[in-house]
Amino acid sequence: MASFECKRGKHYKLDVYVLSDSSSLSVTNPHLYVAVLDDEYMLGQLMTRLFSIVCGLIAAIGGVMLIGSFLEQRGQTGGVKATP
């Protein structure tokens, strides 16, 4: 998969280089599709990226809290075992 950004109303030239012996690719039955992505698709991509960032931040905060609780637990015991 590949993509490129372009502007509405402009003309673009797509150069396709075909191998002289492309018989090894015939198993996959390759096709070339050219499509225009609409604003709804772009909004979905933006929302997905924002959601990924929020999830990453929540995971990072949770990791810091987990490590902090381990360090606090270790600090309370002082690293020395009490004898009865």
PDB file of N, CA and C in Angstrom:
ATOM      1  N   MET A   1       0.840  -1.172   0.000  1.00  0.00           N
ATOM      2  CA  MET A   1       0.000   0.000   0.000  1.00  0.00           C
ATOM      3  C   MET A   1       0.882   1.231   0.000  1.00  0.00           C
ATOM      4  N   ALA A   2       0.452   2.207  -0.746  1.00  0.00           N
ATOM      5  CA  ALA A   2       1.162   3.474  -0.804  1.00  0.00           C
ATOM      6  C   ALA A   2       0.152   4.593  -0.953  1.00  0.00           C
ATOM      7  N   SER A   3       0.559   5.775  -0.592  1.00  0.00           N
ATOM      8  CA  SER A   3      -0.329   6.923  -0.743  1.00  0.00           C
ATOM      9  C   SER A   3       0.510   8.173  -0.966  1.00  0.00           C
ATOM     10  N   PHE A   4      -0.137   9.214  -1.443  1.00  0.00           N
ATOM     11  CA  PHE A   4       0.514  10.509  -1.586  1.00  0.00           C
ATOM     12  C   PHE A   4      -0.552  11.576  -1.464  1.00  0.00           C
ATOM     13  N   GLU A   5      -0.136  12.738  -1.007  1.00  0.00           N
ATOM     14  CA  GLU A   5      -1.077  13.842  -0.848  1.00  0.00           C
ATOM     15  C   GLU A   5      -1.081  14.685  -2.113  1.00  0.00           C
ATOM     16  N   CYS A   6      -2.240  15.193  -2.441  1.00  0.00           N
ATOM     17  CA  CYS A   6      -2.361  16.041  -3.613  1.00  0.00           C
ATOM     18  C   CYS A   6      -3.425  17.094  -3.347  1.00  0.00           C
ATOM     19  N   LYS A   7      -3.522  18.056  -4.231  1.00  0.00           N
ATOM     20  CA  LYS A   7      -4.477  19.150  -4.092  1.00  0.00           C
ATOM     21  C   LYS A   7      -5.577  19.011  -5.137  1.00  0.00           C
ATOM     22  N   ARG A   8      -6.775  19.415  -4.749  1.00  0.00           N
ATOM     23  CA  ARG A   8      -7.933  19.351  -5.630  1.00  0.00           C
ATOM     24  C   ARG A   8      -7.730  20.273  -6.836  1.00  0.00           C
ATOM     25  N   GLY A   9      -8.079  19.781  -8.001  1.00  0.00           N
ATOM     26  CA  GLY A   9      -8.016  20.576  -9.216  1.00  0.00           C
ATOM     27  C   GLY A   9      -6.673  20.547  -9.924  1.00  0.00           C
ATOM     28  N   LYS A  10      -5.673  19.949  -9.318  1.00  0.00           N
ATOM     29  CA  LYS A  10      -4.356  19.862  -9.948  1.00  0.00           C
ATOM     30  C   LYS A  10      -4.245  18.533 -10.684  1.00  0.00           C
ATOM     31  N   HIS A  11      -3.370  18.482 -11.663  1.00  0.00           N
ATOM     32  CA  HIS A  11      -3.139  17.266 -12.426  1.00  0.00           C
ATOM     33  C   HIS A  11      -1.821  16.643 -11.979  1.00  0.00           C
ATOM     34  N   TYR A  12      -1.802  15.329 -11.878  1.00  0.00           N
ATOM     35  CA  TYR A  12      -0.618  14.595 -11.432  1.00  0.00           C
ATOM     36  C   TYR A  12      -0.298  13.510 -12.442  1.00  0.00           C
ATOM     37  N   LYS A  13       0.955  13.161 -12.502  1.00  0.00           N
ATOM     38  CA  LYS A  13       1.419  12.123 -13.412  1.00  0.00           C
ATOM     39  C   LYS A  13       1.945  10.967 -12.567  1.00  0.00           C
ATOM     40  N   LEU A  14       1.476   9.769 -12.850  1.00  0.00           N
ATOM     41  CA  LEU A  14       1.904   8.578 -12.126  1.00  0.00           C
ATOM     42  C   LEU A  14       2.730   7.716 -13.070  1.00  0.00           C
ATOM     43  N   ASP A  15       3.997   7.550 -12.721  1.00  0.00           N
ATOM     44  CA  ASP A  15       4.877   6.696 -13.514  1.00  0.00           C
ATOM     45  C   ASP A  15       4.898   5.312 -12.893  1.00  0.00           C
ATOM     46  N   VAL A  16       4.603   4.310 -13.694  1.00  0.00           N
ATOM     47  CA  VAL A  16       4.614   2.927 -13.240  1.00  0.00           C
ATOM     48  C   VAL A  16       5.691   2.183 -14.020  1.00  0.00           C
ATOM     49  N   TYR A  17       6.631   1.623 -13.284  1.00  0.00           N
ATOM     50  CA  TYR A  17       7.693   0.850 -13.903  1.00  0.00           C
ATOM     51  C   TYR A  17       7.371  -0.631 -13.742  1.00  0.00           C
ATOM     52  N   VAL A  18       7.310  -1.330 -14.859  1.00  0.00           N
ATOM     53  CA  VAL A  18       6.973  -2.746 -14.855  1.00  0.00           C
ATOM     54  C   VAL A  18       8.235  -3.542 -15.155  1.00  0.00           C
ATOM     55  N   LEU A  19       8.453  -4.557 -14.359  1.00  0.00           N
ATOM     56  CA  LEU A  19       9.612  -5.415 -14.584  1.00  0.00           C
ATOM     57  C   LEU A  19       9.458  -6.168 -15.900  1.00  0.00           C
ATOM     58  N   SER A  20      10.575  -6.436 -16.538  1.00  0.00           N
ATOM     59  CA  SER A  20      10.496  -7.160 -17.805  1.00  0.00           C
ATOM     60  C   SER A  20       9.988  -8.585 -17.585  1.00  0.00           C
ATOM     61  N   ASP A  21      10.368  -9.186 -16.447  1.00  0.00           N
ATOM     62  CA  ASP A  21       9.866 -10.517 -16.122  1.00  0.00           C
ATOM     63  C   ASP A  21       9.090 -10.417 -14.808  1.00  0.00           C
ATOM     64  N   SER A  22       7.804 -10.185 -14.915  1.00  0.00           N
ATOM     65  CA  SER A  22       6.977 -10.027 -13.711  1.00  0.00           C
ATOM     66  C   SER A  22       6.168 -11.286 -13.418  1.00  0.00           C
ATOM     67  N   SER A  23       6.623 -12.416 -13.914  1.00  0.00           N
ATOM     68  CA  SER A  23       5.886 -13.667 -13.705  1.00  0.00           C
ATOM     69  C   SER A  23       5.837 -14.040 -12.224  1.00  0.00           C
ATOM     70  N   SER A  24       6.827 -13.604 -11.432  1.00  0.00           N
ATOM     71  CA  SER A  24       6.809 -13.936  -9.996  1.00  0.00           C
ATOM     72  C   SER A  24       5.694 -13.200  -9.273  1.00  0.00           C
ATOM     73  N   LEU A  25       5.220 -12.081  -9.820  1.00  0.00           N
ATOM     74  CA  LEU A  25       4.133 -11.331  -9.203  1.00  0.00           C
ATOM     75  C   LEU A  25       2.750 -11.833  -9.616  1.00  0.00           C
ATOM     76  N   SER A  26       2.673 -12.593 -10.662  1.00  0.00           N
ATOM     77  CA  SER A  26       1.371 -13.019 -11.174  1.00  0.00           C
ATOM     78  C   SER A  26       0.606 -13.884 -10.174  1.00  0.00           C
ATOM     79  N   VAL A  27       1.309 -14.502  -9.235  1.00  0.00           N
ATOM     80  CA  VAL A  27       0.647 -15.326  -8.218  1.00  0.00           C
ATOM     81  C   VAL A  27      -0.254 -14.471  -7.346  1.00  0.00           C
ATOM     82  N   THR A  28       0.151 -13.223  -7.079  1.00  0.00           N
ATOM     83  CA  THR A  28      -0.627 -12.346  -6.202  1.00  0.00           C
ATOM     84  C   THR A  28      -1.702 -11.568  -6.946  1.00  0.00           C
ATOM     85  N   ASN A  29      -1.718 -11.629  -8.258  1.00  0.00           N
ATOM     86  CA  ASN A  29      -2.707 -10.935  -9.081  1.00  0.00           C
ATOM     87  C   ASN A  29      -2.766  -9.444  -8.724  1.00  0.00           C
ATOM     88  N   PRO A  30      -1.678  -8.713  -8.917  1.00  0.00           N
ATOM     89  CA  PRO A  30      -1.619  -7.309  -8.485  1.00  0.00           C
ATOM     90  C   PRO A  30      -2.532  -6.397  -9.301  1.00  0.00           C
ATOM     91  N   HIS A  31      -3.048  -5.374  -8.629  1.00  0.00           N
ATOM     92  CA  HIS A  31      -3.897  -4.366  -9.263  1.00  0.00           C
ATOM     93  C   HIS A  31      -3.448  -2.988  -8.789  1.00  0.00           C
ATOM     94  N   LEU A  32      -3.754  -1.978  -9.572  1.00  0.00           N
ATOM     95  CA  LEU A  32      -3.482  -0.597  -9.200  1.00  0.00           C
ATOM     96  C   LEU A  32      -4.818   0.112  -9.043  1.00  0.00           C
ATOM     97  N   TYR A  33      -5.068   0.636  -7.840  1.00  0.00           N
ATOM     98  CA  TYR A  33      -6.285   1.388  -7.568  1.00  0.00           C
ATOM     99  C   TYR A  33      -5.910   2.816  -7.237  1.00  0.00           C
ATOM    100  N   VAL A  34      -6.626   3.740  -7.808  1.00  0.00           N
ATOM    101  CA  VAL A  34      -6.448   5.158  -7.505  1.00  0.00           C
ATOM    102  C   VAL A  34      -7.782   5.642  -6.960  1.00  0.00           C
ATOM    103  N   ALA A  35      -7.737   6.253  -5.772  1.00  0.00           N
ATOM    104  CA  ALA A  35      -8.974   6.697  -5.142  1.00  0.00           C
ATOM    105  C   ALA A  35      -8.772   8.055  -4.483  1.00  0.00           C
ATOM    106  N   VAL A  36      -9.854   8.758  -4.320  1.00  0.00           N
ATOM    107  CA  VAL A  36      -9.853  10.040  -3.622  1.00  0.00           C
ATOM    108  C   VAL A  36     -10.478   9.813  -2.260  1.00  0.00           C
ATOM    109  N   LEU A  37      -9.763  10.229  -1.229  1.00  0.00           N
ATOM    110  CA  LEU A  37     -10.273  10.075   0.124  1.00  0.00           C
ATOM    111  C   LEU A  37     -11.093  11.300   0.489  1.00  0.00           C
ATOM    112  N   ASP A  38     -12.260  11.082   1.057  1.00  0.00           N
ATOM    113  CA  ASP A  38     -13.116  12.199   1.415  1.00  0.00           C
ATOM    114  C   ASP A  38     -12.821  12.692   2.837  1.00  0.00           C
ATOM    115  N   ASP A  39     -13.488  13.768   3.215  1.00  0.00           N
ATOM    116  CA  ASP A  39     -13.257  14.376   4.524  1.00  0.00           C
ATOM    117  C   ASP A  39     -13.659  13.454   5.665  1.00  0.00           C
ATOM    118  N   GLU A  40     -14.683  12.628   5.455  1.00  0.00           N
ATOM    119  CA  GLU A  40     -15.129  11.706   6.504  1.00  0.00           C
ATOM    120  C   GLU A  40     -14.031  10.694   6.830  1.00  0.00           C
ATOM    121  N   TYR A  41     -13.352  10.220   5.810  1.00  0.00           N
ATOM    122  CA  TYR A  41     -12.243   9.287   6.019  1.00  0.00           C
ATOM    123  C   TYR A  41     -11.121   9.968   6.794  1.00  0.00           C
ATOM    124  N   MET A  42     -10.796  11.196   6.399  1.00  0.00           N
ATOM    125  CA  MET A  42      -9.725  11.933   7.071  1.00  0.00           C
ATOM    126  C   MET A  42     -10.091  12.217   8.529  1.00  0.00           C
ATOM    127  N   LEU A  43     -11.361  12.515   8.807  1.00  0.00           N
ATOM    128  CA  LEU A  43     -11.805  12.732  10.186  1.00  0.00           C
ATOM    129  C   LEU A  43     -11.652  11.447  10.993  1.00  0.00           C
ATOM    130  N   GLY A  44     -11.973  10.319  10.401  1.00  0.00           N
ATOM    131  CA  GLY A  44     -11.809   9.036  11.073  1.00  0.00           C
ATOM    132  C   GLY A  44     -10.350   8.754  11.391  1.00  0.00           C
ATOM    133  N   GLN A  45      -9.450   9.083  10.461  1.00  0.00           N
ATOM    134  CA  GLN A  45      -8.025   8.906  10.701  1.00  0.00           C
ATOM    135  C   GLN A  45      -7.543   9.799  11.840  1.00  0.00           C
ATOM    136  N   LEU A  46      -8.013  11.031  11.871  1.00  0.00           N
ATOM    137  CA  LEU A  46      -7.641  11.964  12.937  1.00  0.00           C
ATOM    138  C   LEU A  46      -8.130  11.463  14.289  1.00  0.00           C
ATOM    139  N   MET A  47      -9.373  11.005  14.347  1.00  0.00           N
ATOM    140  CA  MET A  47      -9.935  10.501  15.605  1.00  0.00           C
ATOM    141  C   MET A  47      -9.175   9.263  16.080  1.00  0.00           C
ATOM    142  N   THR A  48      -8.795   8.404  15.160  1.00  0.00           N
ATOM    143  CA  THR A  48      -8.026   7.216  15.526  1.00  0.00           C
ATOM    144  C   THR A  48      -6.676   7.601  16.113  1.00  0.00           C
ATOM    145  N   ARG A  49      -6.007   8.573  15.523  1.00  0.00           N
ATOM    146  CA  ARG A  49      -4.712   9.020  16.042  1.00  0.00           C
ATOM    147  C   ARG A  49      -4.862   9.661  17.415  1.00  0.00           C
ATOM    148  N   LEU A  50      -5.878  10.505  17.576  1.00  0.00           N
ATOM    149  CA  LEU A  50      -6.101  11.132  18.882  1.00  0.00           C
ATOM    150  C   LEU A  50      -6.408  10.081  19.944  1.00  0.00           C
ATOM    151  N   PHE A  51      -7.227   9.109  19.609  1.00  0.00           N
ATOM    152  CA  PHE A  51      -7.558   8.038  20.544  1.00  0.00           C
ATOM    153  C   PHE A  51      -6.309   7.254  20.928  1.00  0.00           C
ATOM    154  N   SER A  52      -5.434   7.000  19.974  1.00  0.00           N
ATOM    155  CA  SER A  52      -4.180   6.286  20.251  1.00  0.00           C
ATOM    156  C   SER A  52      -3.293   7.087  21.196  1.00  0.00           C
ATOM    157  N   ILE A  53      -3.231   8.389  21.001  1.00  0.00           N
ATOM    158  CA  ILE A  53      -2.426   9.238  21.879  1.00  0.00           C
ATOM    159  C   ILE A  53      -2.989   9.236  23.290  1.00  0.00           C
ATOM    160  N   VAL A  54      -4.314   9.356  23.426  1.00  0.00           N
ATOM    161  CA  VAL A  54      -4.946   9.350  24.744  1.00  0.00           C
ATOM    162  C   VAL A  54      -4.701   8.011  25.439  1.00  0.00           C
ATOM    163  N   CYS A  55      -4.850   6.919  24.724  1.00  0.00           N
ATOM    164  CA  CYS A  55      -4.603   5.595  25.314  1.00  0.00           C
ATOM    165  C   CYS A  55      -3.146   5.451  25.742  1.00  0.00           C
ATOM    166  N   GLY A  56      -2.226   5.950  24.942  1.00  0.00           N
ATOM    167  CA  GLY A  56      -0.813   5.901  25.295  1.00  0.00           C
ATOM    168  C   GLY A  56      -0.515   6.703  26.551  1.00  0.00           C
ATOM    169  N   LEU A  57      -1.124   7.880  26.664  1.00  0.00           N
ATOM    170  CA  LEU A  57      -0.926   8.692  27.866  1.00  0.00           C
ATOM    171  C   LEU A  57      -1.492   8.010  29.106  1.00  0.00           C
ATOM    172  N   ILE A  58      -2.654   7.417  28.985  1.00  0.00           N
ATOM    173  CA  ILE A  58      -3.259   6.705  30.115  1.00  0.00           C
ATOM    174  C   ILE A  58      -2.379   5.526  30.526  1.00  0.00           C
ATOM    175  N   ALA A  59      -1.852   4.803  29.555  1.00  0.00           N
ATOM    176  CA  ALA A  59      -0.969   3.672  29.857  1.00  0.00           C
ATOM    177  C   ALA A  59       0.312   4.151  30.529  1.00  0.00           C
ATOM    178  N   ALA A  60       0.862   5.276  30.078  1.00  0.00           N
ATOM    179  CA  ALA A  60       2.085   5.815  30.680  1.00  0.00           C
ATOM    180  C   ALA A  60       1.829   6.251  32.116  1.00  0.00           C
ATOM    181  N   ILE A  61       0.713   6.919  32.357  1.00  0.00           N
ATOM    182  CA  ILE A  61       0.368   7.340  33.720  1.00  0.00           C
ATOM    183  C   ILE A  61       0.178   6.119  34.614  1.00  0.00           C
ATOM    184  N   GLY A  62      -0.504   5.111  34.111  1.00  0.00           N
ATOM    185  CA  GLY A  62      -0.688   3.873  34.879  1.00  0.00           C
ATOM    186  C   GLY A  62       0.632   3.201  35.193  1.00  0.00           C
ATOM    187  N   GLY A  63       1.561   3.187  34.247  1.00  0.00           N
ATOM    188  CA  GLY A  63       2.876   2.599  34.474  1.00  0.00           C
ATOM    189  C   GLY A  63       3.652   3.354  35.536  1.00  0.00           C
ATOM    190  N   VAL A  64       3.593   4.688  35.498  1.00  0.00           N
ATOM    191  CA  VAL A  64       4.281   5.499  36.509  1.00  0.00           C
ATOM    192  C   VAL A  64       3.678   5.242  37.889  1.00  0.00           C
ATOM    193  N   MET A  65       2.358   5.148  37.951  1.00  0.00           N
ATOM    194  CA  MET A  65       1.702   4.879  39.242  1.00  0.00           C
ATOM    195  C   MET A  65       2.076   3.499  39.766  1.00  0.00           C
ATOM    196  N   LEU A  66       2.158   2.521  38.897  1.00  0.00           N
ATOM    197  CA  LEU A  66       2.520   1.163  39.305  1.00  0.00           C
ATOM    198  C   LEU A  66       3.948   1.120  39.836  1.00  0.00           C
ATOM    199  N   ILE A  67       4.863   1.741  39.109  1.00  0.00           N
ATOM    200  CA  ILE A  67       6.255   1.776  39.561  1.00  0.00           C
ATOM    201  C   ILE A  67       6.362   2.544  40.880  1.00  0.00           C
ATOM    202  N   GLY A  68       5.626   3.652  40.997  1.00  0.00           N
ATOM    203  CA  GLY A  68       5.630   4.429  42.238  1.00  0.00           C
ATOM    204  C   GLY A  68       5.134   3.628  43.419  1.00  0.00           C
ATOM    205  N   SER A  69       4.100   2.806  43.213  1.00  0.00           N
ATOM    206  CA  SER A  69       3.577   1.997  44.319  1.00  0.00           C
ATOM    207  C   SER A  69       4.575   0.924  44.729  1.00  0.00           C
ATOM    208  N   PHE A  70       5.305   0.354  43.780  1.00  0.00           N
ATOM    209  CA  PHE A  70       6.340  -0.626  44.127  1.00  0.00           C
ATOM    210  C   PHE A  70       7.460   0.034  44.928  1.00  0.00           C
ATOM    211  N   LEU A  71       7.876   1.230  44.492  1.00  0.00           N
ATOM    212  CA  LEU A  71       8.937   1.930  45.198  1.00  0.00           C
ATOM    213  C   LEU A  71       8.495   2.354  46.595  1.00  0.00           C
ATOM    214  N   GLU A  72       7.250   2.775  46.722  1.00  0.00           N
ATOM    215  CA  GLU A  72       6.723   3.163  48.036  1.00  0.00           C
ATOM    216  C   GLU A  72       6.656   1.958  48.958  1.00  0.00           C
ATOM    217  N   GLN A  73       6.197   0.837  48.456  1.00  0.00           N
ATOM    218  CA  GLN A  73       6.121  -0.398  49.241  1.00  0.00           C
ATOM    219  C   GLN A  73       7.516  -0.819  49.697  1.00  0.00           C
ATOM    220  N   ARG A  74       8.469  -0.702  48.805  1.00  0.00           N
ATOM    221  CA  ARG A  74       9.844  -1.077  49.133  1.00  0.00           C
ATOM    222  C   ARG A  74      10.435  -0.117  50.168  1.00  0.00           C
ATOM    223  N   GLY A  75      10.094   1.160  50.076  1.00  0.00           N
ATOM    224  CA  GLY A  75      10.596   2.144  51.023  1.00  0.00           C
ATOM    225  C   GLY A  75      10.019   1.967  52.416  1.00  0.00           C
ATOM    226  N   GLN A  76       8.777   1.487  52.521  1.00  0.00           N
ATOM    227  CA  GLN A  76       8.152   1.277  53.830  1.00  0.00           C
ATOM    228  C   GLN A  76       8.802   0.123  54.571  1.00  0.00           C
ATOM    229  N   THR A  77       9.223  -0.906  53.861  1.00  0.00           N
ATOM    230  CA  THR A  77       9.867  -2.045  54.523  1.00  0.00           C
ATOM    231  C   THR A  77      11.311  -1.732  54.812  1.00  0.00           C
ATOM    232  N   GLY A  78      11.881  -0.740  54.150  1.00  0.00           N
ATOM    233  CA  GLY A  78      13.255  -0.332  54.388  1.00  0.00           C
ATOM    234  C   GLY A  78      14.275  -1.330  53.893  1.00  0.00           C
ATOM    235  N   GLY A  79      13.850  -2.369  53.264  1.00  0.00           N
ATOM    236  CA  GLY A  79      14.767  -3.340  52.730  1.00  0.00           C
ATOM    237  C   GLY A  79      15.360  -4.261  53.786  1.00  0.00           C
ATOM    238  N   VAL A  80      14.940  -4.091  55.062  1.00  0.00           N
ATOM    239  CA  VAL A  80      15.461  -4.910  56.150  1.00  0.00           C
ATOM    240  C   VAL A  80      14.302  -5.682  56.747  1.00  0.00           C
ATOM    241  N   LYS A  81      14.486  -6.982  56.939  1.00  0.00           N
ATOM    242  CA  LYS A  81      13.438  -7.816  57.510  1.00  0.00           C
ATOM    243  C   LYS A  81      13.440  -7.670  59.033  1.00  0.00           C
ATOM    244  N   ALA A  82      12.276  -7.520  59.591  1.00  0.00           N
ATOM    245  CA  ALA A  82      12.156  -7.400  61.053  1.00  0.00           C
ATOM    246  C   ALA A  82      12.226  -8.783  61.694  1.00  0.00           C
ATOM    247  N   THR A  83      12.889  -8.863  62.818  1.00  0.00           N
ATOM    248  CA  THR A  83      12.984 -10.147  63.548  1.00  0.00           C
ATOM    249  C   THR A  83      11.978 -10.144  64.680  1.00  0.00           C
ATOM    250  N   PRO A  84      11.359 -11.293  64.965  1.00  0.00           N
ATOM    251  CA  PRO A  84      10.343 -11.336  66.024  1.00  0.00           C
ATOM    252  C   PRO A  84      10.929 -11.284  67.408  1.00  0.00           C
TER     253      PRO A  84
END
